[in-house]
Protein backbone atom coordinates (compact mmCIF):
# COMPACT_ATOMS: atom_id res chain seq x y z
CA UNK A 1 12.04 -2.23 11.73
CA UNK A 2 10.52 -3.29 8.47
CA UNK A 3 8.50 -0.43 6.55
CA UNK A 4 6.31 -0.91 3.56
CA UNK A 5 7.06 1.75 0.48
CA UNK A 6 5.27 2.21 -3.04
CA UNK A 7 8.00 2.77 -5.84
CA UNK A 8 6.36 4.65 -9.08
CA UNK A 9 7.72 4.93 -12.08
CA UNK A 10 6.25 7.31 -14.48
CA UNK A 11 5.65 6.75 -18.32
CA UNK A 12 3.06 6.37 -20.52
CA UNK A 13 1.48 2.73 -21.43
CA UNK A 14 1.62 0.92 -25.28
CA UNK A 15 4.54 0.10 -27.21
CA UNK A 16 4.37 3.16 -28.98
CA UNK A 17 6.22 5.03 -26.11
CA UNK A 18 8.25 2.23 -24.46
CA UNK A 19 11.59 2.99 -25.64
CA UNK A 20 10.90 7.12 -25.15
CA UNK A 21 12.80 9.14 -22.95
CA UNK A 22 9.72 10.12 -21.08
CA UNK A 23 9.16 6.36 -20.16
CA UNK A 24 12.87 6.47 -18.07
CA UNK A 25 10.82 5.67 -14.86
CA UNK A 26 8.84 3.10 -16.47
CA UNK A 27 12.16 1.35 -17.24
CA UNK A 28 13.86 1.66 -13.90
CA UNK A 29 10.65 -0.32 -12.57
CA UNK A 30 11.12 -3.14 -14.76
CA UNK A 31 14.88 -3.26 -13.82
CA UNK A 32 14.18 -3.40 -9.95
CA UNK A 33 11.53 -6.14 -10.77
CA UNK A 34 13.89 -8.06 -12.67
CA UNK A 35 16.93 -7.78 -10.22
CA UNK A 36 14.27 -8.55 -7.31
CA UNK A 37 12.74 -11.81 -9.15
CA UNK A 38 9.41 -9.76 -8.62
CA UNK A 39 6.36 -11.92 -9.87
CA UNK A 40 4.88 -10.47 -12.95
CA UNK A 41 3.02 -6.94 -13.07
CA UNK A 42 -0.85 -7.43 -13.04
CA UNK A 43 -3.36 -4.99 -13.46
CA UNK A 44 -4.26 -3.33 -10.54
CA UNK A 45 -5.21 0.66 -9.37
CA UNK A 46 -5.17 1.46 -12.94
CA UNK A 47 -1.85 0.11 -13.12
CA UNK A 48 0.69 -2.60 -13.52
CA UNK A 49 1.74 -3.74 -9.87
CA UNK A 50 3.85 -6.37 -8.20
CA UNK A 51 5.58 -6.09 -5.27
CA UNK A 52 8.80 -7.87 -3.76
CA UNK A 53 10.79 -7.79 -0.35
CA UNK A 54 14.08 -5.99 0.16
CA UNK A 55 15.69 -6.46 3.06
CA UNK A 56 12.81 -6.89 5.28
CA UNK A 57 11.25 -4.15 3.70
CA UNK A 58 7.46 -4.37 1.96
CA UNK A 59 8.45 -2.99 -1.33
CA UNK A 60 5.33 -2.04 -3.86
CA UNK A 61 5.83 -1.33 -7.64
CA UNK A 62 3.39 0.56 -9.79
CA UNK A 63 3.34 1.54 -13.00
CA UNK A 64 0.13 3.82 -13.55
CA UNK A 65 -1.36 2.82 -16.72
CA UNK A 66 -3.48 5.93 -16.78
CA UNK A 67 -0.77 7.86 -19.11
CA UNK A 68 1.33 10.79 -17.79
CA UNK A 69 -0.70 13.67 -17.10
CA UNK A 70 -3.18 11.46 -14.37
CA UNK A 71 -0.67 9.20 -12.53
CA UNK A 72 -2.66 10.53 -9.59
CA UNK A 73 -5.24 8.48 -10.22
CA UNK A 74 -3.50 5.34 -10.22
CA UNK A 75 -0.98 6.07 -6.91
CA UNK A 76 -4.04 7.68 -4.70
CA UNK A 77 -5.96 4.46 -4.50
CA UNK A 78 -3.00 2.09 -4.18
CA UNK A 79 -1.59 4.27 -1.29
CA UNK A 80 -5.34 4.22 0.41
CA UNK A 81 -5.61 0.40 -0.05
CA UNK A 82 -2.07 -0.21 1.38
CA UNK A 83 -2.56 2.36 4.31
CA UNK A 84 0.40 4.40 3.25
CA UNK A 85 0.85 8.02 3.18
CA UNK A 86 2.54 10.44 0.27
CA UNK A 87 5.97 10.45 2.14
CA UNK A 88 6.11 6.50 1.46
CA UNK A 89 6.05 6.63 -1.78
CA UNK A 90 9.15 6.95 -4.22
CA UNK A 91 8.89 8.36 -7.36
CA UNK A 92 10.83 7.96 -10.73
CA UNK A 93 10.50 10.06 -13.40
CA UNK A 94 12.78 12.05 -16.47
CA UNK A 95 14.60 15.25 -15.56
CA UNK A 96 14.85 17.62 -18.18
CA UNK A 97 17.32 20.19 -16.29
CA UNK A 98 19.91 17.14 -15.50
CA UNK A 99 22.50 16.35 -17.89
CA UNK A 100 22.03 12.73 -19.35
CA UNK A 101 22.24 9.82 -16.67
CA UNK A 102 22.81 12.12 -13.65
CA UNK A 103 19.87 11.40 -10.66
CA UNK A 104 19.26 13.54 -7.38
CA UNK A 105 16.95 12.21 -4.94
CA UNK A 106 14.87 14.89 -2.60
CA UNK A 107 11.76 14.72 -0.63
CA UNK A 108 9.02 17.24 -1.48
CA UNK A 109 9.80 20.51 -3.54
CA UNK A 110 8.50 22.07 -6.92
CA UNK A 111 6.82 20.14 -10.34
CA UNK A 112 9.21 22.30 -13.02
CA UNK A 113 6.26 21.27 -15.33
CA UNK A 114 6.04 17.67 -14.93
CA UNK A 115 2.58 16.70 -15.82
CA UNK A 116 3.41 13.40 -13.72
CA UNK A 117 4.29 14.98 -10.87
CA UNK A 118 1.46 17.95 -11.13
CA UNK A 119 -1.29 15.28 -11.16
CA UNK A 120 0.32 13.33 -7.82
CA UNK A 121 0.87 16.46 -6.58
CA UNK A 122 -2.77 17.31 -7.30
CA UNK A 123 -4.15 14.08 -5.69
CA UNK A 124 -1.94 13.90 -2.54
CA UNK A 125 0.20 16.75 -2.12
CA UNK A 126 3.91 16.93 -2.84
CA UNK A 127 5.52 15.45 0.10
CA UNK A 128 6.67 12.09 -1.87
CA UNK A 129 10.51 11.65 -2.88
CA UNK A 130 11.41 11.94 -5.92
CA UNK A 131 14.69 10.13 -8.11
CA UNK A 132 15.27 12.83 -10.67
CA UNK A 133 16.67 10.66 -13.97
CA UNK A 134 18.50 13.26 -15.95
CA UNK A 135 17.56 13.20 -19.72
CA UNK A 136 19.35 16.31 -20.73
CA UNK A 137 17.29 19.27 -22.54
CA UNK A 138 17.14 19.74 -26.33
CA UNK A 139 17.99 23.71 -25.88
CA UNK A 140 15.03 25.06 -26.88
CA UNK A 141 11.15 25.16 -25.17
CA UNK A 142 9.27 24.66 -28.21
CA UNK A 143 11.44 21.21 -28.57
CA UNK A 144 10.79 19.39 -25.29
CA UNK A 145 7.41 17.87 -26.25
CA UNK A 146 8.97 15.91 -29.12
CA UNK A 147 12.16 15.40 -27.30
CA UNK A 148 10.42 13.40 -24.60
CA UNK A 149 8.31 11.51 -26.87
CA UNK A 150 11.62 10.10 -28.92
CA UNK A 151 13.52 6.88 -28.09
CA UNK A 152 17.40 7.42 -26.23
CA UNK A 153 20.04 8.60 -28.48
CA UNK A 154 23.28 5.96 -29.14
CA UNK A 155 25.02 8.57 -26.92
CA UNK A 156 22.88 7.50 -24.50
CA UNK A 157 23.63 4.35 -23.99
CA UNK A 158 26.83 4.45 -22.27
CA UNK A 159 24.75 5.79 -19.35
CA UNK A 160 21.45 4.18 -19.73
CA UNK A 161 23.04 0.28 -19.46
CA UNK A 162 25.19 0.85 -16.53
CA UNK A 163 22.03 3.22 -14.74
CA UNK A 164 19.57 0.11 -15.21
CA UNK A 165 21.81 -2.02 -13.88
CA UNK A 166 23.42 -0.35 -10.59
CA UNK A 167 20.11 1.79 -9.41
CA UNK A 168 18.60 -1.67 -8.59
CA UNK A 169 21.23 -2.89 -6.99
CA UNK A 170 21.21 0.19 -4.46
CA UNK A 171 17.99 0.64 -3.85
CA UNK A 172 18.05 -0.60 0.11
CA UNK A 173 19.77 3.34 0.57
CA UNK A 174 16.09 4.93 -0.67
CA UNK A 175 14.61 2.54 1.81
CA UNK A 176 16.55 3.75 4.48
CA UNK A 177 15.75 7.03 3.85
CA UNK A 178 19.81 7.49 2.93
CA UNK A 179 19.41 9.37 -0.35
CA UNK A 180 22.98 10.86 -0.06
CA UNK A 181 24.58 7.60 -0.09
CA UNK A 182 22.19 6.38 -3.39
CA UNK A 183 23.41 9.25 -5.03
CA UNK A 184 26.97 9.01 -4.18
CA UNK A 185 27.43 5.16 -4.74
CA UNK A 186 25.61 5.77 -7.99
CA UNK A 187 27.98 8.43 -9.10
CA UNK A 188 31.23 6.05 -8.15
CA UNK A 189 29.55 2.60 -9.74
CA UNK A 190 29.18 5.01 -13.47
CA UNK A 191 32.18 6.61 -13.19
CA UNK A 192 34.38 5.58 -16.31
CA UNK A 193 37.27 4.05 -14.98
CA UNK A 194 39.71 5.58 -16.33
CA UNK A 195 38.65 8.69 -14.75
CA UNK A 196 40.87 12.02 -13.85
CA UNK A 197 40.79 10.77 -9.93
CA UNK A 198 42.39 6.75 -11.04
CA UNK A 199 44.72 8.50 -13.40
CA UNK A 200 46.12 10.52 -10.52
CA UNK A 201 46.84 7.53 -8.88
CA UNK A 202 48.63 6.10 -11.22
CA UNK A 203 52.71 5.92 -10.04
CA UNK A 204 54.99 7.77 -12.44
CA UNK A 205 58.09 6.32 -13.51
CA UNK A 206 61.30 8.15 -12.49
CA UNK A 207 63.00 9.69 -15.47
CA UNK A 208 66.49 8.19 -15.94
CA UNK A 209 68.08 11.18 -17.08
CA UNK A 210 67.46 13.22 -13.98
CA UNK A 211 68.83 10.13 -11.85
């Protein structure tokens, strides 16, 4: 049975913020749009909006252009226009409390001090799906504001590219409310090819001196 879902990427509008850690939600939505050949984003619902079809699902893509702390002003009218509930929304955003490149998915939960989540919660309640994308923590609370509004470091390139490449391919798992498989498959695809598990599977040569 087909189902319409609204995917929301959180970020701040404008070239000044495009490459910052806080805009990882925008970047992931752009990657999804590119992967599925979406029409160009256009201005709707106080945001940049387009739509695609994925395995029979109608999928709406929204990047609020209200700035992060007013994201709910964009999400609320988009859901209302399409007669959707807050449980039909999947929100992609940066997470300070996860290591860089780690992704966790759940429905509902707290706000973790994230202004975008706080705004959506204030307008619509907490029961939206959250795709938390780890960006790491700078170590001290007073450094957070500058950290999230700066571009990713070179050290992040090793996971950022694979994430933006693989997550769109695994989107059907999210649309089918199967977050566990989405997370498992993403972890496997982003794992280094020379991981410890791979090494353990390699046969060891017999020492001739022990023959």
